[in-house]
Amino acid sequence: MRRSEFDRAVSDEFGARGAALVADLVLPRVGGQTAREALDAGTPAREVWAALCVEAEVPDDRRYGVGRMDPRRR
């Protein structure tokens, strides 16, 4: 997952509140950082997306982003 795909997935899934979640929600699965901090520190976007989905309780069937292919099908 590229950063642009991460940004699109956040926007598609969370809409207007996506920016606040990326900036403010602490994600224990990426070292207790926010998504923005984790991305800036070099954590892969897919790992940050997965952590964000867990904390925000995104259903499994939407964890690859709205309209995204399941990576196992690539």
Protein backbone atom coordinates (compact mmCIF):
# COMPACT_ATOMS: atom_id res chain seq x y z
CA MET A 1 0.00 0.00 0.00
CA ARG A 2 1.38 3.38 -1.00
CA ARG A 3 0.86 6.51 1.08
CA SER A 4 -1.58 7.84 -1.53
CA GLU A 5 -3.59 4.60 -1.24
CA PHE A 6 -3.57 4.97 2.54
CA ASP A 7 -4.84 8.54 2.26
CA ARG A 8 -7.59 7.46 -0.15
CA ALA A 9 -8.61 4.54 2.07
CA VAL A 10 -8.83 6.84 5.12
CA SER A 11 -10.92 9.33 3.20
CA ASP A 12 -13.20 6.63 1.77
CA GLU A 13 -13.71 4.89 5.10
CA PHE A 14 -13.87 7.80 7.54
CA GLY A 15 -14.83 10.81 5.44
CA ALA A 16 -14.44 14.18 7.13
CA ARG A 17 -13.26 12.70 10.42
CA GLY A 18 -10.39 10.81 8.79
CA ALA A 19 -7.87 13.61 9.18
CA ALA A 20 -8.61 13.86 12.91
CA LEU A 21 -8.25 10.10 13.38
CA VAL A 22 -4.89 10.06 11.57
CA ALA A 23 -3.64 12.98 13.64
CA ASP A 24 -5.07 12.14 17.06
CA LEU A 25 -5.92 8.45 17.53
CA VAL A 26 -3.12 6.59 19.34
CA LEU A 27 -2.45 3.19 17.78
CA PRO A 28 -0.94 0.65 20.20
CA ARG A 29 -0.08 -1.70 17.32
CA VAL A 30 2.41 0.81 15.92
CA GLY A 31 4.19 1.66 19.15
CA GLY A 32 1.60 3.96 20.70
CA GLN A 33 1.96 6.53 17.96
CA THR A 34 -0.70 8.23 15.90
CA ALA A 35 -1.03 7.16 12.27
CA ARG A 36 0.69 10.36 11.15
CA GLU A 37 3.60 9.82 13.55
CA ALA A 38 3.98 6.20 12.50
CA LEU A 39 3.97 7.07 8.79
CA ASP A 40 6.47 9.89 9.35
CA ALA A 41 8.69 7.44 11.25
CA GLY A 42 8.74 5.09 8.27
CA THR A 43 6.19 2.48 9.34
CA PRO A 44 4.72 0.90 6.20
CA ALA A 45 1.36 2.40 5.24
CA ARG A 46 -0.31 -1.04 5.15
CA GLU A 47 0.74 -1.68 8.76
CA VAL A 48 -0.57 1.72 9.85
CA TRP A 49 -3.84 1.16 7.95
CA ALA A 50 -4.31 -2.21 9.68
CA ALA A 51 -3.66 -0.66 13.10
CA LEU A 52 -6.07 2.19 12.37
CA CYS A 53 -8.75 -0.27 11.30
CA VAL A 54 -8.36 -2.27 14.51
CA GLU A 55 -8.61 0.78 16.76
CA ALA A 56 -11.52 2.28 14.82
CA GLU A 57 -13.30 -1.11 14.69
CA VAL A 58 -13.56 -1.18 10.90
CA PRO A 59 -15.23 -4.45 9.82
CA ASP A 60 -12.88 -7.02 8.27
CA ASP A 61 -14.55 -6.80 4.88
CA ARG A 62 -13.63 -3.10 4.61
CA ARG A 63 -10.08 -3.23 5.93
CA TYR A 64 -8.43 -2.85 2.53
CA GLY A 65 -10.22 0.43 1.91
CA VAL A 66 -13.42 1.16 0.11
CA GLY A 67 -13.17 0.00 -3.48
CA ARG A 68 -9.72 -1.55 -3.02
CA MET A 69 -8.87 -5.04 -4.13
CA ASP A 70 -8.00 -7.56 -1.49
CA PRO A 71 -4.18 -7.79 -1.82
CA ARG A 72 -4.37 -11.61 -1.98
CA ARG A 73 -6.01 -11.23 -5.44
CA ARG A 74 -3.21 -9.13 -6.98
